[in-house]
């Protein structure tokens, strides 16, 4: 099977709503099966680990745009960046 065929299948699955494509800045595209909800992600700056997290709780920062410019907003994407526990524990100082 060619690499292009794999990407074609991933795009078809994404278009059908079976997969969700995420692309954290500086990372290659990733595909996940958790679709149909508005969850967010934690990304480790060191090792690149990506973890799903449910929507923010309490006072959510900037999840509603100050001006919708006529858009009907149906999803907000938030990426939390930091260090995972293993990378944090291995960081000197």
C-alpha atoms as a PDB file:
ATOM      1  CA  UNK A   1       0.000   0.000   0.000  1.00  0.00           C
ATOM      2  CA  UNK A   2       1.378   3.409  -0.882  1.00  0.00           C
ATOM      3  CA  UNK A   3       1.742   6.305   1.544  1.00  0.00           C
ATOM      4  CA  UNK A   4      -0.650   8.322  -0.617  1.00  0.00           C
ATOM      5  CA  UNK A   5      -3.287   5.591  -0.327  1.00  0.00           C
ATOM      6  CA  UNK A   6      -3.018   5.724   3.475  1.00  0.00           C
ATOM      7  CA  UNK A   7      -3.471   9.513   3.462  1.00  0.00           C
ATOM      8  CA  UNK A   8      -6.409   9.200   1.048  1.00  0.00           C
ATOM      9  CA  UNK A   9      -8.128   6.759   3.426  1.00  0.00           C
ATOM     10  CA  UNK A  10      -7.420   9.013   6.430  1.00  0.00           C
ATOM     11  CA  UNK A  11      -8.891  12.016   4.592  1.00  0.00           C
ATOM     12  CA  UNK A  12     -11.947   9.991   3.541  1.00  0.00           C
ATOM     13  CA  UNK A  13     -12.483   8.866   7.144  1.00  0.00           C
ATOM     14  CA  UNK A  14     -12.092  12.455   8.328  1.00  0.00           C
ATOM     15  CA  UNK A  15     -14.610  13.658   5.750  1.00  0.00           C
ATOM     16  CA  UNK A  16     -17.066  10.982   6.875  1.00  0.00           C
ATOM     17  CA  UNK A  17     -16.691  12.049  10.513  1.00  0.00           C
ATOM     18  CA  UNK A  18     -15.019   8.800  11.593  1.00  0.00           C
ATOM     19  CA  UNK A  19     -11.712  10.514  12.409  1.00  0.00           C
ATOM     20  CA  UNK A  20     -10.654  13.960  13.565  1.00  0.00           C
ATOM     21  CA  UNK A  21      -7.446  15.539  12.258  1.00  0.00           C
ATOM     22  CA  UNK A  22      -5.388  17.621  14.663  1.00  0.00           C
ATOM     23  CA  UNK A  23      -2.152  19.468  13.910  1.00  0.00           C
ATOM     24  CA  UNK A  24      -0.444  20.950  16.967  1.00  0.00           C
ATOM     25  CA  UNK A  25       1.997  23.669  15.867  1.00  0.00           C
ATOM     26  CA  UNK A  26       5.325  22.177  14.836  1.00  0.00           C
ATOM     27  CA  UNK A  27       3.931  18.624  14.778  1.00  0.00           C
ATOM     28  CA  UNK A  28       2.784  16.401  11.940  1.00  0.00           C
ATOM     29  CA  UNK A  29      -0.928  15.799  11.457  1.00  0.00           C
ATOM     30  CA  UNK A  30      -2.463  13.290  13.827  1.00  0.00           C
ATOM     31  CA  UNK A  31      -5.758  11.500  13.502  1.00  0.00           C
ATOM     32  CA  UNK A  32      -7.978  10.458  16.388  1.00  0.00           C
ATOM     33  CA  UNK A  33     -11.187   8.516  16.744  1.00  0.00           C
ATOM     34  CA  UNK A  34     -12.687  10.812  19.379  1.00  0.00           C
ATOM     35  CA  UNK A  35     -15.076  12.829  17.242  1.00  0.00           C
ATOM     36  CA  UNK A  36     -18.365  14.604  17.742  1.00  0.00           C
ATOM     37  CA  UNK A  37     -17.410  16.436  20.899  1.00  0.00           C
ATOM     38  CA  UNK A  38     -15.500  19.625  21.529  1.00  0.00           C
ATOM     39  CA  UNK A  39     -12.518  18.332  23.499  1.00  0.00           C
ATOM     40  CA  UNK A  40      -9.078  19.872  23.688  1.00  0.00           C
ATOM     41  CA  UNK A  41      -5.476  18.658  23.917  1.00  0.00           C
ATOM     42  CA  UNK A  42      -2.434  18.838  26.169  1.00  0.00           C
ATOM     43  CA  UNK A  43       0.874  18.775  24.234  1.00  0.00           C
ATOM     44  CA  UNK A  44       4.312  18.235  25.785  1.00  0.00           C
ATOM     45  CA  UNK A  45       6.878  20.690  24.413  1.00  0.00           C
ATOM     46  CA  UNK A  46       9.713  18.182  24.915  1.00  0.00           C
ATOM     47  CA  UNK A  47       8.536  14.726  23.814  1.00  0.00           C
ATOM     48  CA  UNK A  48       5.416  15.676  21.818  1.00  0.00           C
ATOM     49  CA  UNK A  49       2.999  13.546  23.875  1.00  0.00           C
ATOM     50  CA  UNK A  50      -0.607  14.548  23.062  1.00  0.00           C
ATOM     51  CA  UNK A  51      -3.380  13.859  25.582  1.00  0.00           C
ATOM     52  CA  UNK A  52      -7.123  14.483  25.198  1.00  0.00           C
ATOM     53  CA  UNK A  53      -8.818  16.655  27.813  1.00  0.00           C
ATOM     54  CA  UNK A  54     -12.487  17.522  28.119  1.00  0.00           C
ATOM     55  CA  UNK A  55     -13.618  21.096  27.576  1.00  0.00           C
ATOM     56  CA  UNK A  56     -12.297  23.697  29.944  1.00  0.00           C
ATOM     57  CA  UNK A  57     -14.118  24.219  33.204  1.00  0.00           C
ATOM     58  CA  UNK A  58     -14.757  27.342  35.225  1.00  0.00           C
ATOM     59  CA  UNK A  59     -14.076  30.612  33.471  1.00  0.00           C
ATOM     60  CA  UNK A  60     -12.834  29.537  30.057  1.00  0.00           C
ATOM     61  CA  UNK A  61     -10.250  31.862  28.504  1.00  0.00           C
ATOM     62  CA  UNK A  62     -11.288  33.321  25.149  1.00  0.00           C
ATOM     63  CA  UNK A  63     -13.581  30.515  24.011  1.00  0.00           C
ATOM     64  CA  UNK A  64     -16.058  33.013  22.588  1.00  0.00           C
ATOM     65  CA  UNK A  65     -14.640  35.447  20.027  1.00  0.00           C
ATOM     66  CA  UNK A  66     -14.935  39.135  20.826  1.00  0.00           C
ATOM     67  CA  UNK A  67     -16.408  39.624  17.326  1.00  0.00           C
ATOM     68  CA  UNK A  68     -17.906  36.694  15.422  1.00  0.00           C
ATOM     69  CA  UNK A  69     -17.815  38.577  12.082  1.00  0.00           C
ATOM     70  CA  UNK A  70     -21.124  36.916  11.200  1.00  0.00           C
ATOM     71  CA  UNK A  71     -19.897  33.382  11.883  1.00  0.00           C
ATOM     72  CA  UNK A  72     -22.007  30.879  13.784  1.00  0.00           C
ATOM     73  CA  UNK A  73     -19.360  29.350  16.044  1.00  0.00           C
ATOM     74  CA  UNK A  74     -19.869  25.645  16.719  1.00  0.00           C
ATOM     75  CA  UNK A  75     -16.466  24.591  18.001  1.00  0.00           C
ATOM     76  CA  UNK A  76     -13.467  26.012  19.833  1.00  0.00           C
ATOM     77  CA  UNK A  77     -10.019  24.447  19.626  1.00  0.00           C
ATOM     78  CA  UNK A  78      -7.691  24.893  22.557  1.00  0.00           C
ATOM     79  CA  UNK A  79      -4.205  23.438  22.856  1.00  0.00           C
ATOM     80  CA  UNK A  80      -2.536  23.526  26.253  1.00  0.00           C
ATOM     81  CA  UNK A  81       1.279  23.464  25.964  1.00  0.00           C
ATOM     82  CA  UNK A  82       3.684  22.439  28.708  1.00  0.00           C
ATOM     83  CA  UNK A  83       5.756  19.519  29.943  1.00  0.00           C
ATOM     84  CA  UNK A  84       4.371  16.064  30.648  1.00  0.00           C
ATOM     85  CA  UNK A  85       5.153  14.567  34.053  1.00  0.00           C
ATOM     86  CA  UNK A  86       8.019  12.421  32.750  1.00  0.00           C
ATOM     87  CA  UNK A  87       9.751  15.295  30.915  1.00  0.00           C
ATOM     88  CA  UNK A  88       9.177  17.643  33.862  1.00  0.00           C
ATOM     89  CA  UNK A  89      10.752  15.141  36.245  1.00  0.00           C
ATOM     90  CA  UNK A  90      13.746  14.718  33.921  1.00  0.00           C
ATOM     91  CA  UNK A  91      14.347  18.485  33.545  1.00  0.00           C
ATOM     92  CA  UNK A  92      17.298  19.725  35.619  1.00  0.00           C
ATOM     93  CA  UNK A  93      16.668  22.473  38.144  1.00  0.00           C
END
